[in-house]
Amino acid sequence: MLKSMLKAKIKEIIYTACLYFTIIVFSLHIFGGILSQKSVQMPLERLSLLFLFSIGMAVAGLVWQAKKIPVILRHLIHYASFILTFWGVFILIGDFAAKPSSKLTIMILASFFYILATAVCLGLKNFFRRQRKKKEAYSPVYNKPQ
């Protein structure tokens, strides 16, 4: 029982990480291609860092399943997980910034993109929730089955 639950969680984490990785790489290629006007190629080292980051974010996403924790606390835990994952993967392992000031700038930009992505996700979630409520609230006036 416990083994099958653990196996299911690992599959969920890997699936979600692959989805995040695909979205991140696709976005980087699209925006990189638009900005540089040519094909963007990433070395395997950077791709592996992106996949490691995606796994960290998939693990951090498990906090959304904890329904007993208040929503605002789940957001704070997820944000802290994001910051720690980003810092650990890109700043420590990837060594993307040499100076402390550039590390701070990168973390502020990452926080900005996190807030932007969270706002988009919450907006889409609310939009689809309203659409579902509209469908549930609709009752046909004509051609009612008798």
C-alpha atoms as a PDB file:
ATOM      1  CA  MET A   1       0.000   0.000   0.000  1.00  0.00           C
ATOM      2  CA  LEU A   2       2.665   2.512   1.067  1.00  0.00           C
ATOM      3  CA  LYS A   3       4.956   1.357  -1.726  1.00  0.00           C
ATOM      4  CA  SER A   4       2.258   1.871  -4.361  1.00  0.00           C
ATOM      5  CA  MET A   5       1.428   5.345  -2.969  1.00  0.00           C
ATOM      6  CA  LEU A   6       5.114   6.281  -3.061  1.00  0.00           C
ATOM      7  CA  LYS A   7       5.395   4.942  -6.596  1.00  0.00           C
ATOM      8  CA  ALA A   8       2.359   7.000  -7.648  1.00  0.00           C
ATOM      9  CA  LYS A   9       3.822  10.179  -6.069  1.00  0.00           C
ATOM     10  CA  ILE A  10       7.164   9.617  -7.823  1.00  0.00           C
ATOM     11  CA  LYS A  11       5.371   9.158 -11.150  1.00  0.00           C
ATOM     12  CA  GLU A  12       3.382  12.335 -10.502  1.00  0.00           C
ATOM     13  CA  ILE A  13       6.569  14.265  -9.676  1.00  0.00           C
ATOM     14  CA  ILE A  14       8.394  13.011 -12.792  1.00  0.00           C
ATOM     15  CA  TYR A  15       5.398  13.716 -15.037  1.00  0.00           C
ATOM     16  CA  THR A  16       4.994  17.234 -13.626  1.00  0.00           C
ATOM     17  CA  ALA A  17       8.748  17.874 -13.857  1.00  0.00           C
ATOM     18  CA  CYS A  18       8.740  16.833 -17.523  1.00  0.00           C
ATOM     19  CA  LEU A  19       5.800  19.135 -18.172  1.00  0.00           C
ATOM     20  CA  TYR A  20       7.547  22.071 -16.452  1.00  0.00           C
ATOM     21  CA  PHE A  21      10.789  21.299 -18.288  1.00  0.00           C
ATOM     22  CA  THR A  22       9.013  21.258 -21.652  1.00  0.00           C
ATOM     23  CA  ILE A  23       7.269  24.559 -20.950  1.00  0.00           C
ATOM     24  CA  ILE A  24      10.490  26.218 -19.728  1.00  0.00           C
ATOM     25  CA  VAL A  25      12.626  25.031 -22.650  1.00  0.00           C
ATOM     26  CA  PHE A  26       9.933  25.868 -25.200  1.00  0.00           C
ATOM     27  CA  SER A  27       9.525  29.366 -23.705  1.00  0.00           C
ATOM     28  CA  LEU A  28      13.274  29.966 -23.653  1.00  0.00           C
ATOM     29  CA  HIS A  29      13.582  28.885 -27.280  1.00  0.00           C
ATOM     30  CA  ILE A  30      10.668  31.046 -28.389  1.00  0.00           C
ATOM     31  CA  PHE A  31      11.751  34.183 -26.500  1.00  0.00           C
ATOM     32  CA  GLY A  32      15.433  33.589 -27.250  1.00  0.00           C
ATOM     33  CA  GLY A  33      14.659  33.158 -30.925  1.00  0.00           C
ATOM     34  CA  ILE A  34      12.576  36.322 -30.983  1.00  0.00           C
ATOM     35  CA  LEU A  35      15.268  38.362 -29.240  1.00  0.00           C
ATOM     36  CA  SER A  36      18.290  37.008 -31.112  1.00  0.00           C
ATOM     37  CA  GLN A  37      16.566  36.440 -34.487  1.00  0.00           C
ATOM     38  CA  LYS A  38      18.256  33.035 -34.851  1.00  0.00           C
ATOM     39  CA  SER A  39      18.053  29.518 -33.496  1.00  0.00           C
ATOM     40  CA  VAL A  40      18.829  29.116 -29.803  1.00  0.00           C
ATOM     41  CA  GLN A  41      20.935  26.180 -28.692  1.00  0.00           C
ATOM     42  CA  MET A  42      21.532  25.238 -25.070  1.00  0.00           C
ATOM     43  CA  PRO A  43      24.346  23.048 -23.838  1.00  0.00           C
ATOM     44  CA  LEU A  44      23.472  19.829 -22.047  1.00  0.00           C
ATOM     45  CA  GLU A  45      24.769  21.311 -18.778  1.00  0.00           C
ATOM     46  CA  ARG A  46      22.133  24.057 -18.816  1.00  0.00           C
ATOM     47  CA  LEU A  47      19.399  21.672 -19.900  1.00  0.00           C
ATOM     48  CA  SER A  48      20.230  19.388 -16.987  1.00  0.00           C
ATOM     49  CA  LEU A  49      20.077  22.368 -14.607  1.00  0.00           C
ATOM     50  CA  LEU A  50      16.657  23.252 -16.005  1.00  0.00           C
ATOM     51  CA  PHE A  51      15.471  19.675 -15.492  1.00  0.00           C
ATOM     52  CA  LEU A  52      16.812  19.664 -11.936  1.00  0.00           C
ATOM     53  CA  PHE A  53      14.932  22.908 -11.317  1.00  0.00           C
ATOM     54  CA  SER A  54      11.793  21.361 -12.814  1.00  0.00           C
ATOM     55  CA  ILE A  55      12.051  18.401 -10.437  1.00  0.00           C
ATOM     56  CA  GLY A  56      12.434  20.787  -7.496  1.00  0.00           C
ATOM     57  CA  MET A  57       9.371  22.723  -8.569  1.00  0.00           C
ATOM     58  CA  ALA A  58       7.372  19.524  -9.050  1.00  0.00           C
ATOM     59  CA  VAL A  59       8.248  18.504  -5.486  1.00  0.00           C
ATOM     60  CA  ALA A  60       7.335  21.993  -4.275  1.00  0.00           C
ATOM     61  CA  GLY A  61       4.005  21.629  -6.075  1.00  0.00           C
ATOM     62  CA  LEU A  62       3.017  18.836  -3.696  1.00  0.00           C
ATOM     63  CA  VAL A  63       2.174  21.529  -1.147  1.00  0.00           C
ATOM     64  CA  TRP A  64      -1.004  22.317  -3.126  1.00  0.00           C
ATOM     65  CA  GLN A  65      -2.384  18.890  -2.206  1.00  0.00           C
ATOM     66  CA  ALA A  66      -2.267  19.666   1.526  1.00  0.00           C
ATOM     67  CA  LYS A  67      -5.840  20.916   1.904  1.00  0.00           C
ATOM     68  CA  LYS A  68      -5.563  21.288   5.686  1.00  0.00           C
ATOM     69  CA  ILE A  69      -3.006  24.093   5.313  1.00  0.00           C
ATOM     70  CA  PRO A  70      -4.540  27.548   4.637  1.00  0.00           C
ATOM     71  CA  VAL A  71      -4.162  28.775   1.057  1.00  0.00           C
ATOM     72  CA  ILE A  72      -1.983  31.777   1.948  1.00  0.00           C
ATOM     73  CA  LEU A  73       0.391  29.532   3.876  1.00  0.00           C
ATOM     74  CA  ARG A  74       0.570  27.126   0.934  1.00  0.00           C
ATOM     75  CA  HIS A  75       1.504  30.060  -1.313  1.00  0.00           C
ATOM     76  CA  LEU A  76       4.229  31.146   1.111  1.00  0.00           C
ATOM     77  CA  ILE A  77       5.614  27.599   1.390  1.00  0.00           C
ATOM     78  CA  HIS A  78       5.565  27.217  -2.399  1.00  0.00           C
ATOM     79  CA  TYR A  79       7.299  30.583  -2.865  1.00  0.00           C
ATOM     80  CA  ALA A  80       9.973  29.675  -0.300  1.00  0.00           C
ATOM     81  CA  SER A  81      10.462  26.331  -2.062  1.00  0.00           C
ATOM     82  CA  PHE A  82      10.766  28.139  -5.383  1.00  0.00           C
ATOM     83  CA  ILE A  83      13.375  30.552  -4.043  1.00  0.00           C
ATOM     84  CA  LEU A  84      15.399  27.769  -2.409  1.00  0.00           C
ATOM     85  CA  THR A  85      15.232  25.611  -5.537  1.00  0.00           C
ATOM     86  CA  PHE A  86      16.151  28.504  -7.820  1.00  0.00           C
ATOM     87  CA  TRP A  87      19.002  29.598  -5.569  1.00  0.00           C
ATOM     88  CA  GLY A  88      20.309  26.050  -5.091  1.00  0.00           C
ATOM     89  CA  VAL A  89      20.183  25.060  -8.738  1.00  0.00           C
ATOM     90  CA  PHE A  90      21.130  28.232 -10.594  1.00  0.00           C
ATOM     91  CA  ILE A  91      23.194  30.223  -8.092  1.00  0.00           C
ATOM     92  CA  LEU A  92      25.021  27.470  -6.206  1.00  0.00           C
ATOM     93  CA  ILE A  93      25.290  24.634  -8.734  1.00  0.00           C
ATOM     94  CA  GLY A  94      25.031  26.624 -11.970  1.00  0.00           C
ATOM     95  CA  ASP A  95      27.124  29.536 -10.707  1.00  0.00           C
ATOM     96  CA  PHE A  96      25.196  32.015 -12.855  1.00  0.00           C
ATOM     97  CA  ALA A  97      26.238  35.042 -10.823  1.00  0.00           C
ATOM     98  CA  ALA A  98      29.631  35.916  -9.424  1.00  0.00           C
ATOM     99  CA  LYS A  99      28.916  39.093  -7.459  1.00  0.00           C
ATOM    100  CA  PRO A 100      26.513  39.249  -4.528  1.00  0.00           C
ATOM    101  CA  SER A 101      24.715  42.193  -6.130  1.00  0.00           C
ATOM    102  CA  SER A 102      24.065  40.241  -9.319  1.00  0.00           C
ATOM    103  CA  LYS A 103      22.852  37.272  -7.246  1.00  0.00           C
ATOM    104  CA  LEU A 104      20.369  39.569  -5.526  1.00  0.00           C
ATOM    105  CA  THR A 105      19.249  41.000  -8.865  1.00  0.00           C
ATOM    106  CA  ILE A 106      18.705  37.527 -10.283  1.00  0.00           C
ATOM    107  CA  MET A 107      16.699  36.502  -7.215  1.00  0.00           C
ATOM    108  CA  ILE A 108      14.529  39.637  -7.482  1.00  0.00           C
ATOM    109  CA  LEU A 109      13.892  38.925 -11.186  1.00  0.00           C
ATOM    110  CA  ALA A 110      13.067  35.301 -10.376  1.00  0.00           C
ATOM    111  CA  SER A 111      10.621  36.500  -7.705  1.00  0.00           C
ATOM    112  CA  PHE A 112       9.021  38.844 -10.229  1.00  0.00           C
ATOM    113  CA  PHE A 113       8.554  36.006 -12.738  1.00  0.00           C
ATOM    114  CA  TYR A 114       7.194  33.773  -9.972  1.00  0.00           C
ATOM    115  CA  ILE A 115       4.613  36.396  -9.007  1.00  0.00           C
ATOM    116  CA  LEU A 116       3.719  36.913 -12.663  1.00  0.00           C
ATOM    117  CA  ALA A 117       3.300  33.163 -13.280  1.00  0.00           C
ATOM    118  CA  THR A 118       1.262  32.790 -10.088  1.00  0.00           C
ATOM    119  CA  ALA A 119      -1.038  35.633 -11.117  1.00  0.00           C
ATOM    120  CA  VAL A 120      -1.574  34.071 -14.559  1.00  0.00           C
ATOM    121  CA  CYS A 121      -2.283  30.638 -13.041  1.00  0.00           C
ATOM    122  CA  LEU A 122      -4.722  32.051 -10.484  1.00  0.00           C
ATOM    123  CA  GLY A 123      -6.443  34.118 -13.169  1.00  0.00           C
ATOM    124  CA  LEU A 124      -6.882  31.071 -15.400  1.00  0.00           C
ATOM    125  CA  LYS A 125      -8.089  28.982 -12.471  1.00  0.00           C
ATOM    126  CA  ASN A 126     -10.705  31.586 -11.536  1.00  0.00           C
ATOM    127  CA  PHE A 127     -11.778  31.950 -15.175  1.00  0.00           C
ATOM    128  CA  PHE A 128     -12.363  28.216 -15.589  1.00  0.00           C
ATOM    129  CA  ARG A 129     -14.088  27.998 -12.204  1.00  0.00           C
ATOM    130  CA  ARG A 130     -16.523  30.750 -13.269  1.00  0.00           C
ATOM    131  CA  GLN A 131     -17.147  29.000 -16.597  1.00  0.00           C
ATOM    132  CA  ARG A 132     -17.941  25.756 -14.774  1.00  0.00           C
ATOM    133  CA  LYS A 133     -20.324  27.549 -12.392  1.00  0.00           C
ATOM    134  CA  LYS A 134     -22.104  29.163 -15.346  1.00  0.00           C
ATOM    135  CA  LYS A 135     -22.672  25.743 -16.907  1.00  0.00           C
ATOM    136  CA  GLU A 136     -23.924  24.307 -13.617  1.00  0.00           C
ATOM    137  CA  ALA A 137     -26.262  27.262 -13.041  1.00  0.00           C
ATOM    138  CA  TYR A 138     -27.799  27.003 -16.519  1.00  0.00           C
ATOM    139  CA  SER A 139     -31.161  25.329 -16.745  1.00  0.00           C
ATOM    140  CA  PRO A 140     -32.819  24.943 -20.149  1.00  0.00           C
ATOM    141  CA  VAL A 141     -36.062  26.835 -20.644  1.00  0.00           C
ATOM    142  CA  TYR A 142     -37.215  25.095 -23.815  1.00  0.00           C
ATOM    143  CA  ASN A 143     -37.223  21.416 -24.674  1.00  0.00           C
ATOM    144  CA  LYS A 144     -37.231  20.274 -21.080  1.00  0.00           C
ATOM    145  CA  PRO A 145     -37.372  16.498 -20.772  1.00  0.00           C
ATOM    146  CA  GLN A 146     -40.673  15.396 -19.222  1.00  0.00           C
END
